[in-house]
Amino acid sequence: MYDVTRPQTFKSIEKWYQLMSDHGRGDVEVALVGNKCDLNSDKKVDSKQGENTATELGCHFYESSAKGDFN
């Protein structure tokens, strides 16, 4: 999960994915989630960036809002 208003959280995805791949179970479904999608005016990480990264990593992609109870 990353915060769509904080690009530095998005930049850490590949590191976290690599750690999960190295130390996690191989039989799990993985999803990349961009949180805080309700903050459109503050959004710094475009949905397309998230989708492209998820595709590269071979995982599902969602955007969500914990505050807005979406996804």
Protein backbone atom coordinates (compact mmCIF):
# COMPACT_ATOMS: atom_id res chain seq x y z
CA MET A 1 0.00 0.00 0.00
CA TYR A 2 1.16 3.50 -0.75
CA ASP A 3 -0.24 6.97 -0.12
CA VAL A 4 -1.26 8.67 -3.40
CA THR A 5 -0.43 12.06 -1.83
CA ARG A 6 3.14 11.05 -0.85
CA PRO A 7 5.36 9.98 -3.79
CA GLN A 8 8.10 8.73 -1.46
CA THR A 9 5.76 5.93 -0.33
CA PHE A 10 5.29 4.92 -3.98
CA LYS A 11 9.06 4.86 -4.54
CA SER A 12 9.39 2.18 -1.82
CA ILE A 13 7.10 -0.33 -3.56
CA GLU A 14 9.79 -2.25 -5.43
CA LYS A 15 11.88 -2.61 -2.26
CA TRP A 16 8.88 -3.96 -0.30
CA TYR A 17 7.91 -6.24 -3.16
CA GLN A 18 11.43 -7.67 -3.31
CA LEU A 19 11.45 -8.30 0.46
CA MET A 20 8.08 -10.01 0.21
CA SER A 21 9.29 -12.14 -2.69
CA ASP A 22 12.48 -13.10 -0.88
CA HIS A 23 10.92 -13.92 2.49
CA GLY A 24 7.20 -14.50 1.93
CA ARG A 25 5.20 -17.45 0.76
CA GLY A 26 5.05 -18.00 -2.97
CA ASP A 27 1.39 -19.02 -3.09
CA VAL A 28 -0.29 -15.71 -2.24
CA GLU A 29 -2.15 -13.22 -4.40
CA VAL A 30 -0.51 -9.81 -4.30
CA ALA A 31 -2.24 -6.46 -4.73
CA LEU A 32 -0.83 -2.97 -4.95
CA VAL A 33 -3.15 -0.43 -3.31
CA GLY A 34 -3.02 3.34 -3.65
CA ASN A 35 -4.71 4.74 -0.55
CA LYS A 36 -6.33 8.17 -0.03
CA CYS A 37 -7.86 8.31 -3.51
CA ASP A 38 -10.50 10.63 -2.05
CA LEU A 39 -7.89 13.42 -1.95
CA ASN A 40 -7.89 14.18 -5.69
CA SER A 41 -6.66 17.75 -5.27
CA ASP A 42 -3.60 16.50 -3.30
CA LYS A 43 -2.90 13.46 -5.48
CA LYS A 44 0.75 13.21 -6.51
CA VAL A 45 0.89 9.62 -7.78
CA ASP A 46 -1.22 9.12 -10.88
CA SER A 47 -3.43 6.04 -11.16
CA LYS A 48 -1.64 5.07 -14.37
CA GLN A 49 1.68 4.93 -12.50
CA GLY A 50 0.16 2.52 -10.00
CA GLU A 51 -1.40 0.39 -12.74
CA ASN A 52 1.86 0.22 -14.69
CA THR A 53 3.87 -0.77 -11.61
CA ALA A 54 1.32 -3.44 -10.68
CA THR A 55 1.48 -4.82 -14.22
CA GLU A 56 5.29 -4.90 -14.11
CA LEU A 57 5.21 -6.74 -10.77
CA GLY A 58 2.44 -9.10 -11.89
CA CYS A 59 -0.06 -8.11 -9.22
CA HIS A 60 -3.54 -6.65 -8.93
CA PHE A 61 -4.09 -2.89 -8.61
CA TYR A 62 -6.68 -0.96 -6.63
CA GLU A 63 -7.14 2.55 -5.38
CA SER A 64 -8.89 2.98 -2.07
CA SER A 65 -9.97 5.44 0.56
CA ALA A 66 -10.02 4.27 4.15
CA LYS A 67 -11.69 7.53 5.12
CA GLY A 68 -14.30 7.28 2.36
CA ASP A 69 -14.79 3.51 2.82
CA PHE A 70 -14.03 2.86 -0.85
CA ASN A 71 -12.41 -0.43 -1.98
